[in-house]
Protein backbone atom coordinates (compact mmCIF):
# COMPACT_ATOMS: atom_id res chain seq x y z
CA UNK A 1 75.39 -3.47 -436.08
CA UNK A 2 76.27 -6.01 -433.55
CA UNK A 3 75.58 -9.74 -434.10
CA UNK A 4 72.63 -10.99 -431.95
CA UNK A 5 73.30 -14.35 -430.35
CA UNK A 6 70.17 -16.38 -429.44
CA UNK A 7 69.77 -18.80 -426.30
CA UNK A 8 70.45 -21.96 -428.45
CA UNK A 9 73.67 -20.41 -429.71
CA UNK A 10 74.79 -19.50 -426.21
CA UNK A 11 74.31 -22.82 -424.88
CA UNK A 12 75.47 -25.01 -427.79
CA UNK A 13 78.32 -22.93 -429.39
CA UNK A 14 79.60 -20.82 -426.53
CA UNK A 15 78.86 -23.22 -423.58
CA UNK A 16 76.94 -20.54 -421.66
CA UNK A 17 74.30 -21.92 -419.48
CA UNK A 18 71.34 -19.74 -418.38
CA UNK A 19 68.86 -20.91 -415.73
CA UNK A 20 66.11 -19.67 -413.43
CA UNK A 21 65.46 -21.27 -409.80
CA UNK A 22 63.19 -20.79 -407.03
CA UNK A 23 65.26 -21.65 -403.73
CA UNK A 24 63.90 -23.58 -400.90
CA UNK A 25 64.10 -20.11 -399.01
CA UNK A 26 61.77 -18.53 -401.53
CA UNK A 27 64.32 -16.17 -403.33
CA UNK A 28 64.63 -16.45 -407.13
CA UNK A 29 67.89 -16.71 -408.93
CA UNK A 30 68.49 -15.90 -412.55
CA UNK A 31 71.89 -17.39 -413.50
CA UNK A 32 74.40 -17.18 -416.54
CA UNK A 33 77.27 -19.54 -416.02
CA UNK A 34 80.39 -19.41 -418.26
CA UNK A 35 82.99 -22.17 -419.34
CA UNK A 36 85.60 -20.61 -417.39
CA UNK A 37 83.88 -20.87 -414.17
CA UNK A 38 82.67 -17.20 -413.89
CA UNK A 39 79.06 -16.55 -413.33
CA UNK A 40 76.40 -13.84 -413.00
CA UNK A 41 73.43 -14.20 -410.70
CA UNK A 42 70.41 -11.86 -410.13
CA UNK A 43 68.80 -12.84 -406.79
CA UNK A 44 65.50 -11.47 -405.75
CA UNK A 45 63.41 -11.56 -402.52
CA UNK A 46 61.20 -8.97 -404.17
CA UNK A 47 58.05 -11.19 -403.77
CA UNK A 48 58.84 -12.68 -400.44
CA UNK A 49 57.06 -11.62 -397.40
CA UNK A 50 60.04 -11.92 -394.99
CA UNK A 51 63.94 -12.24 -395.32
CA UNK A 52 66.02 -15.48 -395.22
CA UNK A 53 69.55 -16.64 -394.96
CA UNK A 54 71.24 -18.33 -397.73
CA UNK A 55 73.56 -21.35 -397.07
CA UNK A 56 76.94 -20.63 -395.60
CA UNK A 57 79.90 -21.44 -397.80
CA UNK A 58 83.39 -20.70 -398.94
CA UNK A 59 85.32 -20.97 -402.21
CA UNK A 60 88.82 -22.10 -402.85
CA UNK A 61 89.55 -20.13 -405.84
CA UNK A 62 86.57 -17.93 -406.91
CA UNK A 63 85.70 -14.44 -405.57
CA UNK A 64 82.23 -13.17 -405.27
CA UNK A 65 81.30 -9.56 -405.71
CA UNK A 66 77.96 -8.55 -404.56
CA UNK A 67 76.01 -5.38 -405.57
CA UNK A 68 72.81 -4.38 -403.71
CA UNK A 69 70.22 -3.29 -406.19
CA UNK A 70 67.25 -2.95 -403.76
CA UNK A 71 66.84 -3.13 -399.97
CA UNK A 72 69.56 -4.36 -397.74
CA UNK A 73 71.45 -7.52 -396.92
CA UNK A 74 73.40 -8.83 -394.08
CA UNK A 75 76.96 -10.08 -394.80
CA UNK A 76 78.18 -12.53 -392.34
CA UNK A 77 81.69 -14.17 -392.19
CA UNK A 78 84.03 -15.69 -389.63
CA UNK A 79 86.95 -13.44 -388.79
CA UNK A 80 89.42 -14.95 -386.60
CA UNK A 81 87.25 -17.51 -385.43
CA UNK A 82 84.45 -15.16 -384.49
CA UNK A 83 81.09 -14.23 -386.25
CA UNK A 84 81.18 -10.73 -387.92
CA UNK A 85 78.10 -9.33 -389.57
CA UNK A 86 77.72 -6.01 -391.75
CA UNK A 87 74.84 -4.44 -393.27
CA UNK A 88 74.90 -3.27 -396.81
CA UNK A 89 72.35 -1.06 -398.66
CA UNK A 90 71.29 0.11 -402.05
CA UNK A 91 74.38 0.93 -404.07
CA UNK A 92 76.84 -0.87 -401.78
CA UNK A 93 79.47 -3.28 -403.42
CA UNK A 94 81.39 -5.71 -401.59
CA UNK A 95 83.79 -8.75 -402.50
CA UNK A 96 84.50 -11.95 -400.57
CA UNK A 97 88.03 -13.47 -400.06
CA UNK A 98 89.19 -16.80 -401.18
CA UNK A 99 88.72 -19.19 -398.40
CA UNK A 100 86.32 -16.74 -396.48
CA UNK A 101 83.27 -18.58 -394.87
CA UNK A 102 80.30 -16.20 -395.59
CA UNK A 103 76.50 -16.05 -395.78
CA UNK A 104 74.01 -13.60 -396.84
CA UNK A 105 70.70 -12.53 -395.28
CA UNK A 106 68.54 -10.92 -397.92
CA UNK A 107 65.94 -8.78 -396.13
CA UNK A 108 62.28 -8.63 -397.40
CA UNK A 109 62.31 -7.05 -400.99
CA UNK A 110 65.88 -7.20 -401.41
CA UNK A 111 67.55 -7.59 -404.78
CA UNK A 112 71.20 -8.36 -405.51
CA UNK A 113 73.66 -9.03 -408.33
CA UNK A 114 76.43 -11.53 -407.76
CA UNK A 115 79.53 -11.82 -410.05
CA UNK A 116 81.57 -14.76 -409.44
CA UNK A 117 85.32 -14.44 -410.72
CA UNK A 118 88.77 -15.73 -410.35
CA UNK A 119 90.51 -18.78 -411.35
CA UNK A 120 87.67 -21.33 -410.99
CA UNK A 121 87.86 -24.90 -410.01
CA UNK A 122 85.06 -27.21 -411.75
CA UNK A 123 83.07 -27.13 -408.29
CA UNK A 124 84.23 -24.42 -406.10
CA UNK A 125 81.46 -24.12 -403.52
CA UNK A 126 82.03 -25.71 -400.16
CA UNK A 127 79.52 -25.82 -397.33
CA UNK A 128 80.19 -24.16 -393.98
CA UNK A 129 78.05 -25.70 -391.46
CA UNK A 130 79.85 -24.03 -388.56
CA UNK A 131 78.75 -20.51 -389.94
CA UNK A 132 75.31 -21.88 -390.65
CA UNK A 133 75.04 -22.72 -387.01
CA UNK A 134 76.01 -19.15 -386.02
CA UNK A 135 73.72 -17.47 -388.52
CA UNK A 136 70.59 -19.25 -389.26
CA UNK A 137 69.12 -19.05 -385.89
CA UNK A 138 69.23 -15.19 -385.80
CA UNK A 139 66.12 -13.16 -386.36
CA UNK A 140 66.30 -10.02 -388.53
CA UNK A 141 66.28 -7.87 -385.28
CA UNK A 142 69.09 -9.89 -383.87
CA UNK A 143 71.13 -9.54 -387.16
CA UNK A 144 70.64 -5.76 -387.05
CA UNK A 145 71.49 -5.53 -383.31
CA UNK A 146 74.53 -7.85 -383.78
CA UNK A 147 75.68 -5.53 -386.79
CA UNK A 148 75.41 -2.49 -384.64
CA UNK A 149 72.33 -1.17 -386.69
CA UNK A 150 69.22 0.56 -385.31
CA UNK A 151 66.00 -1.07 -386.15
């Protein structure tokens, strides 16, 4: 029978931290962070009446792999200096690249899993105000139109 490890042991002995947050945009995040810099995050807009952008950012040494559990998400990034947006649906999996400025829009009712992996710096989250300027003003209809989706 496998040994069961309780929360106190995870935090004290294994240096694994667990947290639950309600973000300013209304989404909830349940997070597990590991000493090597990797992390798992369950993000939900399940109880939110509308969608919302997260904060644009990039990483210098970490990749983020996203799995869409429910609903749909818009994945925005800067490619050769231009805004690119793609819509991902239930079951889709995609991964960012190192140095790639990116942002996610979670449509109403969406749930995603995020796995942070790679060689991690202590603080490897850098804001991208230029991408926020391009994305945060877009309505859900504009996001879908920009991505070439019918709505």
